[in-house]
């Protein structure tokens, strides 16, 4: 059960760097028994504890999607008192558009994935990811495309990943995720 005692939020905490933005890649982890043993919200920290199918000491296995630098963003919106938050990730794929189009079709037609966007931070030597998805694997994936007009215009496929119910306004996963090749 979630404690009803708030924690003090102090600017003098151990954090020495707090830059804006996220990294330039994310991992897509299938929400199935071959990849995930359990997903539990942590009541003490803004984290989900995601246990890989191989056990707590194993790394999660996911499909890596690289996107254009400085196009990734994680956002959240309050759903109202006692209703959690909606969270989303966005980014723009400019290279390998054909592969992204194929992958998008698969992700768009399924809701059973968890998405992890790299923050570039570490806690106790483990990478920190912003996670979108919940303990039920509920998530929506959509893509828009734009060719641009001039050859120097921004172009590509812009993905948006949305989960309508998250337990924290920004939920993180601290752990290792390794690239798994798609079949």
Protein backbone atom coordinates (compact mmCIF):
# COMPACT_ATOMS: atom_id res chain seq x y z
CA UNK A 1 0.00 0.00 0.00
CA UNK A 2 1.25 3.49 -0.87
CA UNK A 3 2.46 5.49 2.09
CA UNK A 4 0.54 8.71 2.73
CA UNK A 5 3.62 10.48 4.08
CA UNK A 6 5.07 12.94 1.53
CA UNK A 7 8.81 13.22 1.08
CA UNK A 8 10.65 16.54 1.24
CA UNK A 9 11.93 17.64 -2.16
CA UNK A 10 15.16 19.51 -1.54
CA UNK A 11 17.40 21.26 -4.05
CA UNK A 12 20.42 20.27 -1.97
CA UNK A 13 20.00 16.55 -2.75
CA UNK A 14 22.83 14.46 -4.22
CA UNK A 15 21.89 15.21 -7.85
CA UNK A 16 24.71 17.11 -9.52
CA UNK A 17 23.30 17.33 -13.03
CA UNK A 18 19.77 17.81 -14.27
CA UNK A 19 19.84 18.64 -17.97
CA UNK A 20 16.74 18.73 -20.15
CA UNK A 21 15.93 16.16 -22.80
CA UNK A 22 16.52 12.48 -23.25
CA UNK A 23 18.96 10.32 -25.17
CA UNK A 24 18.55 9.39 -28.85
CA UNK A 25 17.24 5.83 -28.53
CA UNK A 26 14.59 3.73 -26.88
CA UNK A 27 13.92 0.07 -26.27
CA UNK A 28 10.69 -1.75 -27.00
CA UNK A 29 10.23 -4.77 -24.73
CA UNK A 30 7.43 -7.23 -25.56
CA UNK A 31 5.03 -7.70 -22.66
CA UNK A 32 5.09 -11.49 -22.72
CA UNK A 33 6.43 -14.36 -20.61
CA UNK A 34 9.48 -14.77 -22.88
CA UNK A 35 10.66 -11.27 -21.91
CA UNK A 36 9.04 -10.21 -18.62
CA UNK A 37 8.36 -12.22 -15.46
CA UNK A 38 6.64 -9.39 -13.57
CA UNK A 39 5.96 -5.66 -13.49
CA UNK A 40 5.21 -4.02 -10.14
CA UNK A 41 4.88 -0.35 -9.22
CA UNK A 42 7.31 0.67 -6.47
CA UNK A 43 5.49 2.48 -3.65
CA UNK A 44 8.70 4.07 -2.32
CA UNK A 45 10.17 5.45 -5.57
CA UNK A 46 8.80 6.65 -8.90
CA UNK A 47 9.77 3.35 -10.48
CA UNK A 48 8.39 0.19 -11.89
CA UNK A 49 10.24 -2.94 -10.86
CA UNK A 50 10.42 -4.95 -14.07
CA UNK A 51 11.77 -8.44 -13.60
CA UNK A 52 13.14 -10.04 -16.78
CA UNK A 53 12.01 -13.56 -17.72
CA UNK A 54 15.53 -14.77 -16.87
CA UNK A 55 15.29 -13.48 -13.29
CA UNK A 56 16.25 -10.33 -11.42
CA UNK A 57 19.95 -10.56 -12.33
CA UNK A 58 19.25 -10.86 -16.08
CA UNK A 59 18.96 -7.91 -18.46
CA UNK A 60 15.71 -7.06 -20.19
CA UNK A 61 15.79 -7.86 -23.91
CA UNK A 62 14.31 -5.28 -26.28
CA UNK A 63 14.22 -3.96 -29.79
CA UNK A 64 16.27 -0.76 -30.11
CA UNK A 65 14.97 2.22 -32.06
CA UNK A 66 17.42 5.04 -32.74
CA UNK A 67 15.89 8.44 -33.44
CA UNK A 68 17.16 11.85 -34.43
CA UNK A 69 19.07 13.65 -31.68
CA UNK A 70 17.10 16.36 -29.88
CA UNK A 71 13.70 15.10 -31.12
CA UNK A 72 12.93 12.79 -28.20
CA UNK A 73 10.71 13.93 -25.37
CA UNK A 74 8.85 12.41 -22.44
CA UNK A 75 5.73 14.19 -21.16
CA UNK A 76 2.92 13.49 -18.73
CA UNK A 77 -0.46 14.90 -17.88
CA UNK A 78 -2.54 14.62 -14.73
CA UNK A 79 -5.73 12.55 -15.14
CA UNK A 80 -7.38 14.08 -12.07
CA UNK A 81 -7.25 13.34 -8.37
CA UNK A 82 -6.79 9.65 -7.71
CA UNK A 83 -6.63 8.79 -11.43
CA UNK A 84 -2.89 8.74 -12.05
CA UNK A 85 -1.21 10.28 -15.09
CA UNK A 86 -1.11 9.83 -18.83
CA UNK A 87 2.42 9.60 -20.18
CA UNK A 88 3.88 9.82 -23.67
CA UNK A 89 7.18 9.54 -25.54
CA UNK A 90 7.90 11.11 -28.90
CA UNK A 91 10.82 11.07 -31.30
CA UNK A 92 11.61 11.38 -34.99
CA UNK A 93 13.25 8.63 -37.03
CA UNK A 94 15.13 10.14 -39.97
CA UNK A 95 17.43 7.24 -40.89
CA UNK A 96 16.16 3.79 -41.93
CA UNK A 97 12.65 5.07 -42.55
CA UNK A 98 11.63 1.87 -44.38
CA UNK A 99 12.61 -0.31 -41.39
CA UNK A 100 10.78 2.06 -39.05
CA UNK A 101 7.67 1.93 -41.23
CA UNK A 102 7.67 -1.87 -41.03
CA UNK A 103 8.31 -1.87 -37.26
CA UNK A 104 5.62 0.80 -36.79
CA UNK A 105 3.00 -1.42 -38.41
CA UNK A 106 3.73 -4.19 -35.91
CA UNK A 107 3.82 -1.89 -32.87
CA UNK A 108 0.72 0.00 -33.99
CA UNK A 109 -1.31 -3.22 -34.16
CA UNK A 110 -0.46 -4.39 -30.64
CA UNK A 111 -0.79 -2.87 -27.18
CA UNK A 112 1.39 -5.34 -25.30
CA UNK A 113 4.79 -3.66 -25.14
CA UNK A 114 6.71 -1.56 -22.63
CA UNK A 115 8.80 1.36 -23.87
CA UNK A 116 11.99 2.62 -22.26
CA UNK A 117 13.69 5.83 -23.38
CA UNK A 118 17.27 6.36 -22.25
CA UNK A 119 17.93 9.40 -20.04
CA UNK A 120 21.73 9.26 -20.07
CA UNK A 121 21.72 9.14 -16.24
CA UNK A 122 22.82 6.31 -13.96
CA UNK A 123 21.91 5.26 -10.43
CA UNK A 124 24.32 2.98 -8.61
CA UNK A 125 26.02 2.13 -11.91
CA UNK A 126 22.78 1.16 -13.69
CA UNK A 127 21.18 3.12 -16.55
CA UNK A 128 17.98 5.08 -15.89
CA UNK A 129 15.16 4.92 -18.45
CA UNK A 130 11.86 6.75 -18.53
CA UNK A 131 9.24 4.06 -18.92
CA UNK A 132 5.88 4.29 -20.65
CA UNK A 133 3.52 1.39 -20.12
CA UNK A 134 2.06 -0.10 -16.98
CA UNK A 135 1.74 -3.40 -15.13
CA UNK A 136 -0.96 -4.47 -17.60
CA UNK A 137 1.15 -3.65 -20.67
CA UNK A 138 -1.36 -1.01 -21.82
CA UNK A 139 0.15 1.36 -24.36
CA UNK A 140 -0.68 2.89 -27.75
CA UNK A 141 1.82 3.46 -30.56
CA UNK A 142 1.21 5.86 -33.45
CA UNK A 143 3.34 7.34 -36.23
CA UNK A 144 3.05 10.31 -38.58
CA UNK A 145 5.29 10.88 -41.59
CA UNK A 146 6.59 13.91 -43.43
CA UNK A 147 8.89 14.05 -46.48
CA UNK A 148 9.65 17.74 -46.10
CA UNK A 149 9.60 20.10 -49.10
CA UNK A 150 13.23 21.10 -49.62
CA UNK A 151 16.12 18.64 -49.46
CA UNK A 152 17.34 20.29 -46.24
CA UNK A 153 13.94 20.09 -44.47
CA UNK A 154 13.35 17.99 -41.40
CA UNK A 155 11.74 14.74 -42.53
CA UNK A 156 11.00 11.22 -41.37
CA UNK A 157 8.57 9.33 -39.18
CA UNK A 158 7.54 10.79 -35.83
CA UNK A 159 6.39 8.23 -33.27
CA UNK A 160 4.16 8.90 -30.28
CA UNK A 161 3.83 6.30 -27.55
CA UNK A 162 1.06 6.87 -25.01
CA UNK A 163 -0.12 5.14 -21.85
CA UNK A 164 -3.38 6.43 -20.37
CA UNK A 165 -2.63 5.34 -16.81
CA UNK A 166 0.69 5.55 -15.04
CA UNK A 167 1.17 5.63 -11.27
CA UNK A 168 3.70 8.49 -11.35
CA UNK A 169 3.97 11.62 -13.55
CA UNK A 170 7.41 10.39 -14.58
CA UNK A 171 8.06 6.72 -14.07
CA UNK A 172 11.56 5.33 -14.39
CA UNK A 173 13.16 1.94 -14.70
CA UNK A 174 16.66 1.48 -13.32
CA UNK A 175 18.38 -1.50 -14.87
CA UNK A 176 20.02 -2.98 -17.91
CA UNK A 177 18.33 -3.46 -21.27
CA UNK A 178 20.12 -5.28 -24.06
CA UNK A 179 19.35 -5.16 -27.76
CA UNK A 180 17.46 -8.14 -29.13
CA UNK A 181 17.25 -8.54 -32.88
CA UNK A 182 13.75 -8.64 -34.30
CA UNK A 183 12.73 -11.68 -36.28
